[in-house]
């Protein structure tokens, strides 16, 4: 499924973010993206 790749990407992103000790809000500030957008990516949406 096409969505499976997005879900896998989101899981990998979340694992890297957590390993760096970053919240979604902190990552969003670094990447200049809204926290809700980061959340959507991590959920594969």
C-alpha atoms as a PDB file:
ATOM      1  CA  UNK A   1       0.000   0.000   0.000  1.00  0.00           C
ATOM      2  CA  UNK A   2       1.115   3.525  -0.731  1.00  0.00           C
ATOM      3  CA  UNK A   3       0.180   4.682   2.761  1.00  0.00           C
ATOM      4  CA  UNK A   4       2.462   2.039   4.309  1.00  0.00           C
ATOM      5  CA  UNK A   5       5.526   3.941   3.111  1.00  0.00           C
ATOM      6  CA  UNK A   6       4.234   7.126   4.724  1.00  0.00           C
ATOM      7  CA  UNK A   7       3.603   5.312   7.991  1.00  0.00           C
ATOM      8  CA  UNK A   8       7.094   3.803   7.969  1.00  0.00           C
ATOM      9  CA  UNK A   9       8.619   7.217   7.252  1.00  0.00           C
ATOM     10  CA  UNK A  10       6.636   8.732  10.122  1.00  0.00           C
ATOM     11  CA  UNK A  11       7.784   6.040  12.538  1.00  0.00           C
ATOM     12  CA  UNK A  12      11.404   6.585  11.539  1.00  0.00           C
ATOM     13  CA  UNK A  13      11.057  10.347  11.924  1.00  0.00           C
ATOM     14  CA  UNK A  14       9.515   9.938  15.386  1.00  0.00           C
ATOM     15  CA  UNK A  15      12.265   7.547  16.488  1.00  0.00           C
ATOM     16  CA  UNK A  16      14.973   9.980  15.358  1.00  0.00           C
ATOM     17  CA  UNK A  17      13.169  12.920  17.009  1.00  0.00           C
ATOM     18  CA  UNK A  18      12.857  11.041  20.300  1.00  0.00           C
ATOM     19  CA  UNK A  19      16.484   9.860  20.156  1.00  0.00           C
ATOM     20  CA  UNK A  20      17.499  13.516  19.862  1.00  0.00           C
ATOM     21  CA  UNK A  21      15.304  14.390  22.848  1.00  0.00           C
ATOM     22  CA  UNK A  22      13.118  16.752  20.839  1.00  0.00           C
ATOM     23  CA  UNK A  23       9.417  17.416  21.225  1.00  0.00           C
ATOM     24  CA  UNK A  24       7.240  17.827  18.159  1.00  0.00           C
ATOM     25  CA  UNK A  25       7.124  21.541  18.933  1.00  0.00           C
ATOM     26  CA  UNK A  26      10.916  21.811  19.111  1.00  0.00           C
ATOM     27  CA  UNK A  27      11.348  19.919  15.834  1.00  0.00           C
ATOM     28  CA  UNK A  28       8.719  22.125  14.251  1.00  0.00           C
ATOM     29  CA  UNK A  29      10.605  25.240  15.306  1.00  0.00           C
ATOM     30  CA  UNK A  30      13.875  23.883  13.904  1.00  0.00           C
ATOM     31  CA  UNK A  31      12.232  22.828  10.622  1.00  0.00           C
ATOM     32  CA  UNK A  32      10.014  25.930  10.503  1.00  0.00           C
ATOM     33  CA  UNK A  33       6.903  23.728  10.389  1.00  0.00           C
ATOM     34  CA  UNK A  34       3.853  23.700  12.618  1.00  0.00           C
ATOM     35  CA  UNK A  35       3.755  21.088  15.385  1.00  0.00           C
ATOM     36  CA  UNK A  36       0.502  19.724  13.995  1.00  0.00           C
ATOM     37  CA  UNK A  37       2.200  19.128  10.643  1.00  0.00           C
ATOM     38  CA  UNK A  38       4.960  17.155  12.370  1.00  0.00           C
ATOM     39  CA  UNK A  39       2.284  15.140  14.159  1.00  0.00           C
ATOM     40  CA  UNK A  40       0.597  14.340  10.844  1.00  0.00           C
ATOM     41  CA  UNK A  41       3.855  13.215   9.284  1.00  0.00           C
ATOM     42  CA  UNK A  42       4.570  10.925  12.225  1.00  0.00           C
ATOM     43  CA  UNK A  43       1.109   9.375  11.855  1.00  0.00           C
ATOM     44  CA  UNK A  44       1.567   8.858   8.115  1.00  0.00           C
ATOM     45  CA  UNK A  45      -1.221  11.285   7.228  1.00  0.00           C
END
